[in-house]
Amino acid sequence: MAKGRGSARKVSCEDCFFSRNLLCALPDDEPCATFRPAHPDGLRPPRQLRFQFRQERRTQAVWAFPTAQEQAALHT
């Protein structure tokens, strides 16, 4: 089984941007789905995965319909 990060610390509402700026309206004291870490430079969007283009490897189609002559040859 895969193990999670052992050294990662748990997040809390005190670490949330919304809680620190008195913008949180939830009564719970546990992190919610809208948790965003509080940074000195303000609210930052979550990191996104980079999109990488793949190199085109094939110059021909893997499979193609047979031509009319090939189909006629099959049925003769």
Protein backbone atom coordinates (compact mmCIF):
# COMPACT_ATOMS: atom_id res chain seq x y z
CA MET A 1 0.00 0.00 0.00
CA ALA A 2 1.08 3.54 -0.60
CA LYS A 3 1.91 5.60 2.44
CA GLY A 4 1.18 9.28 2.85
CA ARG A 5 3.76 11.87 3.73
CA GLY A 6 4.99 11.20 7.22
CA SER A 7 6.58 14.59 7.80
CA ALA A 8 3.68 16.70 6.50
CA ARG A 9 2.06 18.64 9.28
CA LYS A 10 -1.68 18.72 9.69
CA VAL A 11 -3.53 21.82 8.63
CA SER A 12 -5.85 23.65 10.99
CA CYS A 13 -8.32 26.49 10.76
CA GLU A 14 -5.71 28.82 12.29
CA ASP A 15 -3.57 28.28 9.17
CA CYS A 16 -6.43 29.17 6.80
CA PHE A 17 -6.49 32.46 4.88
CA PHE A 18 -10.20 32.92 5.48
CA SER A 19 -9.98 32.31 9.22
CA ARG A 20 -7.03 34.69 9.68
CA ASN A 21 -8.81 37.47 7.80
CA LEU A 22 -12.12 36.88 9.64
CA LEU A 23 -13.82 35.74 6.42
CA CYS A 24 -14.78 32.24 7.57
CA ALA A 25 -18.44 31.73 8.38
CA LEU A 26 -18.21 28.08 9.41
CA PRO A 27 -18.57 27.18 13.09
CA ASP A 28 -16.34 24.08 12.87
CA ASP A 29 -12.76 24.12 14.12
CA GLU A 30 -11.52 21.67 11.49
CA PRO A 31 -10.31 22.46 7.97
CA CYS A 32 -12.98 22.45 5.28
CA ALA A 33 -12.98 22.00 1.50
CA THR A 34 -12.30 25.72 0.97
CA PHE A 35 -9.08 25.69 3.03
CA ARG A 36 -6.37 27.91 1.53
CA PRO A 37 -3.04 28.42 3.28
CA ALA A 38 -2.42 31.91 4.62
CA HIS A 39 0.57 33.52 2.88
CA PRO A 40 2.09 36.94 3.52
CA ASP A 41 1.42 37.93 -0.10
CA GLY A 42 -2.29 37.10 0.13
CA LEU A 43 -4.59 34.53 -1.33
CA ARG A 44 -3.03 32.40 -4.07
CA PRO A 45 -4.84 29.93 -6.31
CA PRO A 46 -3.96 26.25 -5.81
CA ARG A 47 -1.13 24.94 -7.97
CA GLN A 48 -2.17 23.43 -11.28
CA LEU A 49 -0.53 20.61 -13.17
CA ARG A 50 1.57 21.65 -16.15
CA PHE A 51 0.28 20.65 -19.55
CA GLN A 52 2.97 19.03 -21.65
CA PHE A 53 2.59 18.24 -25.30
CA ARG A 54 3.56 14.77 -26.44
CA GLN A 55 5.76 14.28 -29.43
CA GLU A 56 3.95 12.82 -32.41
CA ARG A 57 5.35 9.32 -32.80
CA ARG A 58 3.32 7.84 -35.61
CA THR A 59 3.22 9.02 -39.16
CA GLN A 60 0.67 6.45 -40.35
CA ALA A 61 -2.61 5.26 -38.98
CA VAL A 62 -2.44 2.00 -37.06
CA TRP A 63 -5.46 0.61 -38.87
CA ALA A 64 -7.28 1.71 -42.01
CA PHE A 65 -10.25 0.44 -43.98
CA PRO A 66 -9.31 -1.80 -46.90
CA THR A 67 -9.49 -0.25 -50.32
CA ALA A 68 -12.21 -1.21 -52.80
CA GLN A 69 -9.76 -3.42 -54.72
CA GLU A 70 -8.71 -5.24 -51.51
CA GLN A 71 -12.36 -5.87 -50.58
CA ALA A 72 -13.14 -7.17 -54.08
CA ALA A 73 -10.16 -9.52 -53.88
CA LEU A 74 -11.45 -10.94 -50.58
CA HIS A 75 -14.84 -11.82 -52.08
CA THR A 76 -13.68 -13.35 -55.37
